[in-house]
Amino acid sequence: MPYVDGYVVAVPKQNLDAYKALAGVAGPIWKEHGALSYVECIGDDVPYGKLTSFPRAVHAKDDEVVIFSWVTYDSRESRDAIVARVMEDPRLSEEKWQSVFDGKRMIYGGFQSFLEL
């Protein structure tokens, strides 16, 4: 079963087209370096919870939309190697994304799959 990296980020609505363009560049680069899949989703039903929620997790503002993304890999080991290569790839330099969203509010993590139906 695949290893999965999950990401949640708040993107200003005015930057949504720029984010989509960036994702259109990033996905193929991730796959070129060995990822099995790359998925980006725009929040459509993500209510602001009283205690916890996706918007709370990334401190989303009223003029921002929540993006949920994931990337899959063969294993944790291959993920570590792929992410290292992606982070060094000049096509995804920090300057390319830092004007599109606030990376300090991004949450992410790696997960071992245990069930797939």
PDB file of N, CA and C in Angstrom:
ATOM      1  N   MET A   1       0.838  -1.175   0.000  1.00  0.00           N
ATOM      2  CA  MET A   1       0.000   0.000   0.000  1.00  0.00           C
ATOM      3  C   MET A   1       0.885   1.241   0.000  1.00  0.00           C
ATOM      4  N   PRO A   2       0.399   2.320  -0.614  1.00  0.00           N
ATOM      5  CA  PRO A   2       1.255   3.496  -0.778  1.00  0.00           C
ATOM      6  C   PRO A   2       1.499   4.255   0.519  1.00  0.00           C
ATOM      7  N   TYR A   3       2.596   4.991   0.523  1.00  0.00           N
ATOM      8  CA  TYR A   3       2.882   5.969   1.564  1.00  0.00           C
ATOM      9  C   TYR A   3       2.298   7.287   1.072  1.00  0.00           C
ATOM     10  N   VAL A   4       1.690   8.073   1.967  1.00  0.00           N
ATOM     11  CA  VAL A   4       0.964   9.274   1.562  1.00  0.00           C
ATOM     12  C   VAL A   4       1.469  10.493   2.327  1.00  0.00           C
ATOM     13  N   ASP A   5       1.763  11.566   1.603  1.00  0.00           N
ATOM     14  CA  ASP A   5       2.000  12.875   2.209  1.00  0.00           C
ATOM     15  C   ASP A   5       0.736  13.683   2.031  1.00  0.00           C
ATOM     16  N   GLY A   6       0.238  14.295   3.109  1.00  0.00           N
ATOM     17  CA  GLY A   6      -0.937  15.142   3.039  1.00  0.00           C
ATOM     18  C   GLY A   6      -0.583  16.577   3.373  1.00  0.00           C
ATOM     19  N   TYR A   7      -1.245  17.507   2.708  1.00  0.00           N
ATOM     20  CA  TYR A   7      -0.980  18.935   2.875  1.00  0.00           C
ATOM     21  C   TYR A   7      -2.295  19.699   2.966  1.00  0.00           C
ATOM     22  N   VAL A   8      -2.328  20.719   3.823  1.00  0.00           N
ATOM     23  CA  VAL A   8      -3.455  21.635   3.889  1.00  0.00           C
ATOM     24  C   VAL A   8      -2.866  23.040   3.939  1.00  0.00           C
ATOM     25  N   VAL A   9      -3.396  23.929   3.098  1.00  0.00           N
ATOM     26  CA  VAL A   9      -2.885  25.293   3.019  1.00  0.00           C
ATOM     27  C   VAL A   9      -4.040  26.247   2.737  1.00  0.00           C
ATOM     28  N   ALA A  10      -3.920  27.469   3.222  1.00  0.00           N
ATOM     29  CA  ALA A  10      -4.903  28.517   2.928  1.00  0.00           C
ATOM     30  C   ALA A  10      -4.356  29.370   1.788  1.00  0.00           C
ATOM     31  N   VAL A  11      -5.179  29.582   0.772  1.00  0.00           N
ATOM     32  CA  VAL A  11      -4.772  30.371  -0.391  1.00  0.00           C
ATOM     33  C   VAL A  11      -5.744  31.541  -0.553  1.00  0.00           C
ATOM     34  N   PRO A  12      -5.230  32.766  -0.648  1.00  0.00           N
ATOM     35  CA  PRO A  12      -6.123  33.893  -0.908  1.00  0.00           C
ATOM     36  C   PRO A  12      -6.915  33.640  -2.198  1.00  0.00           C
ATOM     37  N   LYS A  13      -8.210  33.923  -2.152  1.00  0.00           N
ATOM     38  CA  LYS A  13      -9.051  33.682  -3.326  1.00  0.00           C
ATOM     39  C   LYS A  13      -8.517  34.396  -4.557  1.00  0.00           C
ATOM     40  N   GLN A  14      -7.922  35.568  -4.370  1.00  0.00           N
ATOM     41  CA  GLN A  14      -7.370  36.313  -5.504  1.00  0.00           C
ATOM     42  C   GLN A  14      -6.161  35.605  -6.113  1.00  0.00           C
ATOM     43  N   ASN A  15      -5.552  34.658  -5.385  1.00  0.00           N
ATOM     44  CA  ASN A  15      -4.376  33.927  -5.876  1.00  0.00           C
ATOM     45  C   ASN A  15      -4.712  32.526  -6.363  1.00  0.00           C
ATOM     46  N   LEU A  16      -5.992  32.190  -6.409  1.00  0.00           N
ATOM     47  CA  LEU A  16      -6.380  30.816  -6.747  1.00  0.00           C
ATOM     48  C   LEU A  16      -5.904  30.407  -8.136  1.00  0.00           C
ATOM     49  N   ASP A  17      -6.019  31.269  -9.124  1.00  0.00           N
ATOM     50  CA  ASP A  17      -5.532  30.926 -10.466  1.00  0.00           C
ATOM     51  C   ASP A  17      -4.025  30.717 -10.466  1.00  0.00           C
ATOM     52  N   ALA A  18      -3.295  31.547  -9.719  1.00  0.00           N
ATOM     53  CA  ALA A  18      -1.842  31.388  -9.622  1.00  0.00           C
ATOM     54  C   ALA A  18      -1.500  30.073  -8.922  1.00  0.00           C
ATOM     55  N   TYR A  19      -2.282  29.711  -7.890  1.00  0.00           N
ATOM     56  CA  TYR A  19      -2.048  28.440  -7.205  1.00  0.00           C
ATOM     57  C   TYR A  19      -2.291  27.266  -8.154  1.00  0.00           C
ATOM     58  N   LYS A  20      -3.370  27.333  -8.911  1.00  0.00           N
ATOM     59  CA  LYS A  20      -3.659  26.264  -9.868  1.00  0.00           C
ATOM     60  C   LYS A  20      -2.536  26.132 -10.894  1.00  0.00           C
ATOM     61  N   ALA A  21      -2.008  27.253 -11.350  1.00  0.00           N
ATOM     62  CA  ALA A  21      -0.900  27.221 -12.308  1.00  0.00           C
ATOM     63  C   ALA A  21       0.338  26.601 -11.663  1.00  0.00           C
ATOM     64  N   LEU A  22       0.615  26.968 -10.420  1.00  0.00           N
ATOM     65  CA  LEU A  22       1.754  26.405  -9.701  1.00  0.00           C
ATOM     66  C   LEU A  22       1.583  24.897  -9.512  1.00  0.00           C
ATOM     67  N   ALA A  23       0.381  24.468  -9.145  1.00  0.00           N
ATOM     68  CA  ALA A  23       0.109  23.038  -8.985  1.00  0.00           C
ATOM     69  C   ALA A  23       0.280  22.301 -10.306  1.00  0.00           C
ATOM     70  N   GLY A  24      -0.097  22.961 -11.403  1.00  0.00           N
ATOM     71  CA  GLY A  24       0.071  22.355 -12.729  1.00  0.00           C
ATOM     72  C   GLY A  24       1.522  22.148 -13.097  1.00  0.00           C
ATOM     73  N   VAL A  25       2.408  22.931 -12.503  1.00  0.00           N
ATOM     74  CA  VAL A  25       3.850  22.752 -12.698  1.00  0.00           C
ATOM     75  C   VAL A  25       4.387  21.727 -11.700  1.00  0.00           C
ATOM     76  N   ALA A  26       3.950  21.851 -10.439  1.00  0.00           N
ATOM     77  CA  ALA A  26       4.482  20.999  -9.369  1.00  0.00           C
ATOM     78  C   ALA A  26       4.135  19.527  -9.540  1.00  0.00           C
ATOM     79  N   GLY A  27       2.895  19.234  -9.898  1.00  0.00           N
ATOM     80  CA  GLY A  27       2.480  17.830 -10.025  1.00  0.00           C
ATOM     81  C   GLY A  27       3.350  17.024 -10.969  1.00  0.00           C
ATOM     82  N   PRO A  28       3.559  17.488 -12.195  1.00  0.00           N
ATOM     83  CA  PRO A  28       4.423  16.739 -13.101  1.00  0.00           C
ATOM     84  C   PRO A  28       5.866  16.605 -12.600  1.00  0.00           C
ATOM     85  N   ILE A  29       6.352  17.614 -11.885  1.00  0.00           N
ATOM     86  CA  ILE A  29       7.717  17.527 -11.331  1.00  0.00           C
ATOM     87  C   ILE A  29       7.760  16.441 -10.269  1.00  0.00           C
ATOM     88  N   TRP A  30       6.749  16.409  -9.384  1.00  0.00           N
ATOM     89  CA  TRP A  30       6.691  15.375  -8.351  1.00  0.00           C
ATOM     90  C   TRP A  30       6.681  13.986  -9.002  1.00  0.00           C
ATOM     91  N   LYS A  31       5.866  13.837 -10.034  1.00  0.00           N
ATOM     92  CA  LYS A  31       5.777  12.538 -10.702  1.00  0.00           C
ATOM     93  C   LYS A  31       7.065  12.214 -11.449  1.00  0.00           C
ATOM     94  N   GLU A  32       7.684  13.215 -12.064  1.00  0.00           N
ATOM     95  CA  GLU A  32       8.962  13.011 -12.754  1.00  0.00           C
ATOM     96  C   GLU A  32      10.018  12.462 -11.800  1.00  0.00           C
ATOM     97  N   HIS A  33       9.954  12.909 -10.540  1.00  0.00           N
ATOM     98  CA  HIS A  33      10.927  12.454  -9.546  1.00  0.00           C
ATOM     99  C   HIS A  33      10.527  11.134  -8.890  1.00  0.00           C
ATOM    100  N   GLY A  34       9.338  10.581  -9.254  1.00  0.00           N
ATOM    101  CA  GLY A  34       8.992   9.243  -8.792  1.00  0.00           C
ATOM    102  C   GLY A  34       7.708   9.087  -8.001  1.00  0.00           C
ATOM    103  N   ALA A  35       6.970  10.161  -7.736  1.00  0.00           N
ATOM    104  CA  ALA A  35       5.698  10.022  -7.017  1.00  0.00           C
ATOM    105  C   ALA A  35       4.717   9.210  -7.857  1.00  0.00           C
ATOM    106  N   LEU A  36       3.881   8.435  -7.193  1.00  0.00           N
ATOM    107  CA  LEU A  36       2.871   7.638  -7.892  1.00  0.00           C
ATOM    108  C   LEU A  36       1.691   8.485  -8.338  1.00  0.00           C
ATOM    109  N   SER A  37       1.267   9.426  -7.474  1.00  0.00           N
ATOM    110  CA  SER A  37       0.139  10.301  -7.814  1.00  0.00           C
ATOM    111  C   SER A  37       0.305  11.630  -7.096  1.00  0.00           C
ATOM    112  N   TYR A  38      -0.413  12.631  -7.608  1.00  0.00           N
ATOM    113  CA  TYR A  38      -0.366  13.984  -7.070  1.00  0.00           C
ATOM    114  C   TYR A  38      -1.770  14.553  -7.229  1.00  0.00           C
ATOM    115  N   VAL A  39      -2.407  14.944  -6.112  1.00  0.00           N
ATOM    116  CA  VAL A  39      -3.796  15.394  -6.151  1.00  0.00           C
ATOM    117  C   VAL A  39      -3.924  16.727  -5.404  1.00  0.00           C
ATOM    118  N   GLU A  40      -4.646  17.672  -5.999  1.00  0.00           N
ATOM    119  CA  GLU A  40      -4.926  18.978  -5.392  1.00  0.00           C
ATOM    120  C   GLU A  40      -6.447  19.164  -5.355  1.00  0.00           C
ATOM    121  N   CYS A  41      -6.980  19.608  -4.217  1.00  0.00           N
ATOM    122  CA  CYS A  41      -8.423  19.798  -4.057  1.00  0.00           C
ATOM    123  C   CYS A  41      -8.715  21.163  -3.442  1.00  0.00           C
ATOM    124  N   ILE A  42      -9.734  21.833  -3.959  1.00  0.00           N
ATOM    125  CA  ILE A  42     -10.169  23.121  -3.434  1.00  0.00           C
ATOM    126  C   ILE A  42     -11.315  22.874  -2.465  1.00  0.00           C
ATOM    127  N   GLY A  43     -11.213  23.454  -1.282  1.00  0.00           N
ATOM    128  CA  GLY A  43     -12.259  23.295  -0.270  1.00  0.00           C
ATOM    129  C   GLY A  43     -13.608  23.764  -0.772  1.00  0.00           C
ATOM    130  N   ASP A  44     -14.601  22.904  -0.663  1.00  0.00           N
ATOM    131  CA  ASP A  44     -15.950  23.192  -1.130  1.00  0.00           C
ATOM    132  C   ASP A  44     -16.940  23.117   0.031  1.00  0.00           C
ATOM    133  N   ASP A  45     -16.645  22.283   1.013  1.00  0.00           N
ATOM    134  CA  ASP A  45     -17.508  22.106   2.178  1.00  0.00           C
ATOM    135  C   ASP A  45     -16.602  21.934   3.391  1.00  0.00           C
ATOM    136  N   VAL A  46     -15.970  23.013   3.814  1.00  0.00           N
ATOM    137  CA  VAL A  46     -15.031  22.975   4.937  1.00  0.00           C
ATOM    138  C   VAL A  46     -15.426  24.043   5.971  1.00  0.00           C
ATOM    139  N   PRO A  47     -16.447  23.733   6.763  1.00  0.00           N
ATOM    140  CA  PRO A  47     -16.936  24.719   7.729  1.00  0.00           C
ATOM    141  C   PRO A  47     -15.894  25.050   8.793  1.00  0.00           C
ATOM    142  N   TYR A  48     -16.000  26.256   9.302  1.00  0.00           N
ATOM    143  CA  TYR A  48     -15.133  26.723  10.379  1.00  0.00           C
ATOM    144  C   TYR A  48     -15.658  26.140  11.677  1.00  0.00           C
ATOM    145  N   GLY A  49     -14.944  25.196  12.241  1.00  0.00           N
ATOM    146  CA  GLY A  49     -15.407  24.502  13.435  1.00  0.00           C
ATOM    147  C   GLY A  49     -15.242  25.316  14.706  1.00  0.00           C
ATOM    148  N   LYS A  50     -15.988  24.919  15.742  1.00  0.00           N
ATOM    149  CA  LYS A  50     -15.887  25.612  17.029  1.00  0.00           C
ATOM    150  C   LYS A  50     -14.570  25.313  17.730  1.00  0.00           C
ATOM    151  N   LEU A  51     -14.060  24.107  17.549  1.00  0.00           N
ATOM    152  CA  LEU A  51     -12.818  23.716  18.215  1.00  0.00           C
ATOM    153  C   LEU A  51     -11.717  23.397  17.210  1.00  0.00           C
ATOM    154  N   THR A  52     -12.040  22.555  16.215  1.00  0.00           N
ATOM    155  CA  THR A  52     -11.058  22.185  15.196  1.00  0.00           C
ATOM    156  C   THR A  52     -11.720  22.181  13.828  1.00  0.00           C
ATOM    157  N   SER A  53     -10.919  22.395  12.810  1.00  0.00           N
ATOM    158  CA  SER A  53     -11.399  22.334  11.434  1.00  0.00           C
ATOM    159  C   SER A  53     -10.220  22.602  10.512  1.00  0.00           C
ATOM    160  N   PHE A  54     -10.394  22.316   9.236  1.00  0.00           N
ATOM    161  CA  PHE A  54      -9.352  22.646   8.270  1.00  0.00           C
ATOM    162  C   PHE A  54      -9.053  24.148   8.269  1.00  0.00           C
ATOM    163  N   PRO A  55     -10.074  25.021   8.211  1.00  0.00           N
ATOM    164  CA  PRO A  55      -9.760  26.456   8.218  1.00  0.00           C
ATOM    165  C   PRO A  55      -9.014  26.896   9.478  1.00  0.00           C
ATOM    166  N   ARG A  56      -9.411  26.365  10.635  1.00  0.00           N
ATOM    167  CA  ARG A  56      -8.715  26.712  11.876  1.00  0.00           C
ATOM    168  C   ARG A  56      -7.266  26.232  11.842  1.00  0.00           C
ATOM    169  N   ALA A  57      -7.050  25.050  11.310  1.00  0.00           N
ATOM    170  CA  ALA A  57      -5.705  24.469  11.305  1.00  0.00           C
ATOM    171  C   ALA A  57      -4.702  25.340  10.562  1.00  0.00           C
ATOM    172  N   VAL A  58      -5.158  26.010   9.498  1.00  0.00           N
ATOM    173  CA  VAL A  58      -4.244  26.843   8.689  1.00  0.00           C
ATOM    174  C   VAL A  58      -4.509  28.332   8.883  1.00  0.00           C
ATOM    175  N   HIS A  59      -5.308  28.669   9.907  1.00  0.00           N
ATOM    176  CA  HIS A  59      -5.638  30.066  10.202  1.00  0.00           C
ATOM    177  C   HIS A  59      -6.174  30.785   8.966  1.00  0.00           C
ATOM    178  N   ALA A  60      -7.098  30.124   8.263  1.00  0.00           N
ATOM    179  CA  ALA A  60      -7.676  30.694   7.045  1.00  0.00           C
ATOM    180  C   ALA A  60      -8.463  31.954   7.372  1.00  0.00           C
ATOM    181  N   LYS A  61      -8.274  32.951   6.535  1.00  0.00           N
ATOM    182  CA  LYS A  61      -8.989  34.216   6.673  1.00  0.00           C
ATOM    183  C   LYS A  61     -10.241  34.175   5.800  1.00  0.00           C
ATOM    184  N   ASP A  62     -11.119  35.148   5.978  1.00  0.00           N
ATOM    185  CA  ASP A  62     -12.380  35.180   5.228  1.00  0.00           C
ATOM    186  C   ASP A  62     -12.172  35.212   3.720  1.00  0.00           C
ATOM    187  N   ASP A  63     -11.066  35.786   3.271  1.00  0.00           N
ATOM    188  CA  ASP A  63     -10.815  35.908   1.833  1.00  0.00           C
ATOM    189  C   ASP A  63      -9.922  34.789   1.301  1.00  0.00           C
ATOM    190  N   GLU A  64      -9.839  33.685   2.044  1.00  0.00           N
ATOM    191  CA  GLU A  64      -8.993  32.560   1.636  1.00  0.00           C
ATOM    192  C   GLU A  64      -9.812  31.290   1.474  1.00  0.00           C
ATOM    193  N   VAL A  65      -9.293  30.398   0.649  1.00  0.00           N
ATOM    194  CA  VAL A  65      -9.897  29.083   0.434  1.00  0.00           C
ATOM    195  C   VAL A  65      -8.893  28.039   0.916  1.00  0.00           C
ATOM    196  N   VAL A  66      -9.418  26.940   1.460  1.00  0.00           N
ATOM    197  CA  VAL A  66      -8.562  25.857   1.942  1.00  0.00           C
ATOM    198  C   VAL A  66      -8.281  24.885   0.800  1.00  0.00           C
ATOM    199  N   ILE A  67      -7.009  24.544   0.648  1.00  0.00           N
ATOM    200  CA  ILE A  67      -6.575  23.554  -0.338  1.00  0.00           C
ATOM    201  C   ILE A  67      -6.101  22.320   0.429  1.00  0.00           C
ATOM    202  N   PHE A  68      -6.573  21.152  -0.001  1.00  0.00           N
ATOM    203  CA  PHE A  68      -6.151  19.871   0.570  1.00  0.00           C
ATOM    204  C   PHE A  68      -5.493  19.089  -0.552  1.00  0.00           C
ATOM    205  N   SER A  69      -4.282  18.622  -0.308  1.00  0.00           N
ATOM    206  CA  SER A  69      -3.513  17.933  -1.349  1.00  0.00           C
ATOM    207  C   SER A  69      -2.873  16.681  -0.773  1.00  0.00           C
ATOM    208  N   TRP A  70      -2.590  15.735  -1.670  1.00  0.00           N
ATOM    209  CA  TRP A  70      -1.811  14.582  -1.245  1.00  0.00           C
ATOM    210  C   TRP A  70      -0.987  14.049  -2.404  1.00  0.00           C
ATOM    211  N   VAL A  71       0.109  13.406  -2.015  1.00  0.00           N
ATOM    212  CA  VAL A  71       1.036  12.795  -2.959  1.00  0.00           C
ATOM    213  C   VAL A  71       1.274  11.374  -2.455  1.00  0.00           C
ATOM    214  N   THR A  72       1.290  10.396  -3.367  1.00  0.00           N
ATOM    215  CA  THR A  72       1.530   9.020  -2.946  1.00  0.00           C
ATOM    216  C   THR A  72       2.854   8.510  -3.497  1.00  0.00           C
ATOM    217  N   TYR A  73       3.421   7.568  -2.756  1.00  0.00           N
ATOM    218  CA  TYR A  73       4.734   6.995  -3.064  1.00  0.00           C
ATOM    219  C   TYR A  73       4.697   5.487  -2.806  1.00  0.00           C
ATOM    220  N   ASP A  74       5.682   4.782  -3.326  1.00  0.00           N
ATOM    221  CA  ASP A  74       5.795   3.337  -3.081  1.00  0.00           C
ATOM    222  C   ASP A  74       6.031   3.021  -1.606  1.00  0.00           C
ATOM    223  N   SER A  75       6.812   3.861  -0.928  1.00  0.00           N
ATOM    224  CA  SER A  75       7.207   3.586   0.447  1.00  0.00           C
ATOM    225  C   SER A  75       7.708   4.865   1.103  1.00  0.00           C
ATOM    226  N   ARG A  76       7.911   4.812   2.394  1.00  0.00           N
ATOM    227  CA  ARG A  76       8.485   5.955   3.118  1.00  0.00           C
ATOM    228  C   ARG A  76       9.884   6.260   2.596  1.00  0.00           C
ATOM    229  N   GLU A  77      10.644   5.224   2.312  1.00  0.00           N
ATOM    230  CA  GLU A  77      12.006   5.412   1.823  1.00  0.00           C
ATOM    231  C   GLU A  77      12.020   6.131   0.474  1.00  0.00           C
ATOM    232  N   SER A  78      11.141   5.694  -0.429  1.00  0.00           N
ATOM    233  CA  SER A  78      11.100   6.361  -1.730  1.00  0.00           C
ATOM    234  C   SER A  78      10.569   7.785  -1.571  1.00  0.00           C
ATOM    235  N   ARG A  79       9.628   7.993  -0.669  1.00  0.00           N
ATOM    236  CA  ARG A  79       9.131   9.351  -0.410  1.00  0.00           C
ATOM    237  C   ARG A  79      10.254  10.261   0.045  1.00  0.00           C
ATOM    238  N   ASP A  80      11.063   9.789   0.987  1.00  0.00           N
ATOM    239  CA  ASP A  80      12.157  10.629   1.490  1.00  0.00           C
ATOM    240  C   ASP A  80      13.111  11.028   0.363  1.00  0.00           C
ATOM    241  N   ALA A  81      13.434  10.087  -0.512  1.00  0.00           N
ATOM    242  CA  ALA A  81      14.343  10.370  -1.629  1.00  0.00           C
ATOM    243  C   ALA A  81      13.685  11.316  -2.647  1.00  0.00           C
ATOM    244  N   ILE A  82      12.419  11.079  -2.942  1.00  0.00           N
ATOM    245  CA  ILE A  82      11.700  11.912  -3.925  1.00  0.00           C
ATOM    246  C   ILE A  82      11.560  13.340  -3.412  1.00  0.00           C
ATOM    247  N   VAL A  83      11.155  13.500  -2.159  1.00  0.00           N
ATOM    248  CA  VAL A  83      10.992  14.842  -1.600  1.00  0.00           C
ATOM    249  C   VAL A  83      12.330  15.583  -1.597  1.00  0.00           C
ATOM    250  N   ALA A  84      13.405  14.896  -1.285  1.00  0.00           N
ATOM    251  CA  ALA A  84      14.724  15.538  -1.315  1.00  0.00           C
ATOM    252  C   ALA A  84      15.035  16.065  -2.717  1.00  0.00           C
ATOM    253  N   ARG A  85      14.733  15.264  -3.737  1.00  0.00           N
ATOM    254  CA  ARG A  85      14.979  15.711  -5.116  1.00  0.00           C
ATOM    255  C   ARG A  85      14.060  16.873  -5.503  1.00  0.00           C
ATOM    256  N   VAL A  86      12.806  16.789  -5.110  1.00  0.00           N
ATOM    257  CA  VAL A  86      11.855  17.865  -5.433  1.00  0.00           C
ATOM    258  C   VAL A  86      12.292  19.167  -4.767  1.00  0.00           C
ATOM    259  N   MET A  87      12.715  19.100  -3.518  1.00  0.00           N
ATOM    260  CA  MET A  87      13.122  20.311  -2.800  1.00  0.00           C
ATOM    261  C   MET A  87      14.354  20.965  -3.432  1.00  0.00           C
ATOM    262  N   GLU A  88      15.160  20.197  -4.121  1.00  0.00           N
ATOM    263  CA  GLU A  88      16.343  20.733  -4.803  1.00  0.00           C
ATOM    264  C   GLU A  88      16.051  21.168  -6.231  1.00  0.00           C
ATOM    265  N   ASP A  89      14.880  20.844  -6.748  1.00  0.00           N
ATOM    266  CA  ASP A  89      14.551  21.154  -8.133  1.00  0.00           C
ATOM    267  C   ASP A  89      14.307  22.658  -8.283  1.00  0.00           C
ATOM    268  N   PRO A  90      15.092  23.341  -9.097  1.00  0.00           N
ATOM    269  CA  PRO A  90      14.953  24.796  -9.230  1.00  0.00           C
ATOM    270  C   PRO A  90      13.618  25.236  -9.822  1.00  0.00           C
ATOM    271  N   ARG A  91      12.904  24.330 -10.464  1.00  0.00           N
ATOM    272  CA  ARG A  91      11.594  24.693 -11.017  1.00  0.00           C
ATOM    273  C   ARG A  91      10.553  24.936  -9.935  1.00  0.00           C
ATOM    274  N   LEU A  92      10.850  24.510  -8.698  1.00  0.00           N
ATOM    275  CA  LEU A  92       9.928  24.721  -7.580  1.00  0.00           C
ATOM    276  C   LEU A  92      10.577  25.531  -6.466  1.00  0.00           C
ATOM    277  N   SER A  93      11.380  26.487  -6.821  1.00  0.00           N
ATOM    278  CA  SER A  93      12.060  27.311  -5.825  1.00  0.00           C
ATOM    279  C   SER A  93      11.043  28.069  -4.968  1.00  0.00           C
ATOM    280  N   GLU A  94      11.476  28.442  -3.780  1.00  0.00           N
ATOM    281  CA  GLU A  94      10.594  29.130  -2.833  1.00  0.00           C
ATOM    282  C   GLU A  94       9.992  30.397  -3.430  1.00  0.00           C
ATOM    283  N   GLU A  95      10.736  31.084  -4.250  1.00  0.00           N
ATOM    284  CA  GLU A  95      10.233  32.318  -4.857  1.00  0.00           C
ATOM    285  C   GLU A  95       9.005  32.060  -5.725  1.00  0.00           C
ATOM    286  N   LYS A  96       8.887  30.853  -6.262  1.00  0.00           N
ATOM    287  CA  LYS A  96       7.762  30.533  -7.150  1.00  0.00           C
ATOM    288  C   LYS A  96       6.445  30.438  -6.402  1.00  0.00           C
ATOM    289  N   TRP A  97       6.492  30.036  -5.121  1.00  0.00           N
ATOM    290  CA  TRP A  97       5.238  29.830  -4.404  1.00  0.00           C
ATOM    291  C   TRP A  97       5.008  30.814  -3.269  1.00  0.00           C
ATOM    292  N   GLN A  98       6.038  31.482  -2.784  1.00  0.00           N
ATOM    293  CA  GLN A  98       5.855  32.317  -1.597  1.00  0.00           C
ATOM    294  C   GLN A  98       4.929  33.511  -1.818  1.00  0.00           C
ATOM    295  N   SER A  99       4.746  33.943  -3.059  1.00  0.00           N
ATOM    296  CA  SER A  99       3.808  35.044  -3.303  1.00  0.00           C
ATOM    297  C   SER A  99       2.379  34.524  -3.527  1.00  0.00           C
ATOM    298  N   VAL A 100       2.218  33.198  -3.589  1.00  0.00           N
ATOM    299  CA  VAL A 100       0.903  32.608  -3.853  1.00  0.00           C
ATOM    300  C   VAL A 100       0.181  32.227  -2.553  1.00  0.00           C
ATOM    301  N   PHE A 101       0.925  31.724  -1.562  1.00  0.00           N
ATOM    302  CA  PHE A 101       0.333  31.368  -0.268  1.00  0.00           C
ATOM    303  C   PHE A 101       1.391  31.477   0.819  1.00  0.00           C
ATOM    304  N   ASP A 102       0.936  31.510   2.068  1.00  0.00           N
ATOM    305  CA  ASP A 102       1.816  31.631   3.229  1.00  0.00           C
ATOM    306  C   ASP A 102       2.230  30.236   3.690  1.00  0.00           C
ATOM    307  N   GLY A 103       3.439  29.831   3.340  1.00  0.00           N
ATOM    308  CA  GLY A 103       3.932  28.504   3.691  1.00  0.00           C
ATOM    309  C   GLY A 103       4.054  28.268   5.183  1.00  0.00           C
ATOM    310  N   LYS A 104       4.114  29.323   5.980  1.00  0.00           N
ATOM    311  CA  LYS A 104       4.207  29.157   7.431  1.00  0.00           C
ATOM    312  C   LYS A 104       2.924  28.591   8.024  1.00  0.00           C
ATOM    313  N   ARG A 105       1.813  28.739   7.293  1.00  0.00           N
ATOM    314  CA  ARG A 105       0.529  28.228   7.792  1.00  0.00           C
ATOM    315  C   ARG A 105       0.162  26.884   7.165  1.00  0.00           C
ATOM    316  N   MET A 106       1.035  26.332   6.354  1.00  0.00           N
ATOM    317  CA  MET A 106       0.770  25.031   5.750  1.00  0.00           C
ATOM    318  C   MET A 106       0.982  23.944   6.800  1.00  0.00           C
ATOM    319  N   ILE A 107       0.075  22.969   6.820  1.00  0.00           N
ATOM    320  CA  ILE A 107       0.310  21.796   7.658  1.00  0.00           C
ATOM    321  C   ILE A 107       0.512  20.605   6.727  1.00  0.00           C
ATOM    322  N   TYR A 108       1.359  19.683   7.131  1.00  0.00           N
ATOM    323  CA  TYR A 108       1.651  18.526   6.285  1.00  0.00           C
ATOM    324  C   TYR A 108       2.156  17.390   7.154  1.00  0.00           C
ATOM    325  N   GLY A 109       2.114  16.213   6.594  1.00  0.00           N
ATOM    326  CA  GLY A 109       2.627  15.057   7.302  1.00  0.00           C
ATOM    327  C   GLY A 109       2.621  13.843   6.407  1.00  0.00           C
ATOM    328  N   GLY A 110       3.407  12.847   6.810  1.00  0.00           N
ATOM    329  CA  GLY A 110       3.480  11.593   6.085  1.00  0.00           C
ATOM    330  C   GLY A 110       2.696  10.515   6.811  1.00  0.00           C
ATOM    331  N   PHE A 111       2.023   9.672   6.030  1.00  0.00           N
ATOM    332  CA  PHE A 111       1.129   8.662   6.600  1.00  0.00           C
ATOM    333  C   PHE A 111       1.330   7.303   5.950  1.00  0.00           C
ATOM    334  N   GLN A 112       1.344   6.273   6.775  1.00  0.00           N
ATOM    335  CA  GLN A 112       1.394   4.905   6.268  1.00  0.00           C
ATOM    336  C   GLN A 112      -0.036   4.430   6.034  1.00  0.00           C
ATOM    337  N   SER A 113      -0.306   3.971   4.846  1.00  0.00           N
ATOM    338  CA  SER A 113      -1.626   3.414   4.555  1.00  0.00           C
ATOM    339  C   SER A 113      -1.814   2.110   5.318  1.00  0.00           C
ATOM    340  N   PHE A 114      -3.025   1.873   5.818  1.00  0.00           N
ATOM    341  CA  PHE A 114      -3.298   0.599   6.459  1.00  0.00           C
ATOM    342  C   PHE A 114      -4.564  -0.061   5.930  1.00  0.00           C
ATOM    343  N   LEU A 115      -5.366   0.700   5.160  1.00  0.00           N
ATOM    344  CA  LEU A 115      -6.581   0.121   4.580  1.00  0.00           C
ATOM    345  C   LEU A 115      -6.897   0.839   3.296  1.00  0.00           C
ATOM    346  N   GLU A 116      -7.180   0.082   2.263  1.00  0.00           N
ATOM    347  CA  GLU A 116      -7.595   0.651   0.989  1.00  0.00           C
ATOM    348  C   GLU A 116      -8.659  -0.261   0.409  1.00  0.00           C
ATOM    349  N   LEU A 117      -9.838   0.275   0.166  1.00  0.00           N
ATOM    350  CA  LEU A 117     -10.945  -0.538  -0.334  1.00  0.00           C
ATOM    351  C   LEU A 117     -11.259  -0.196  -1.775  1.00  0.00           C
TER     352      LEU A 117
END
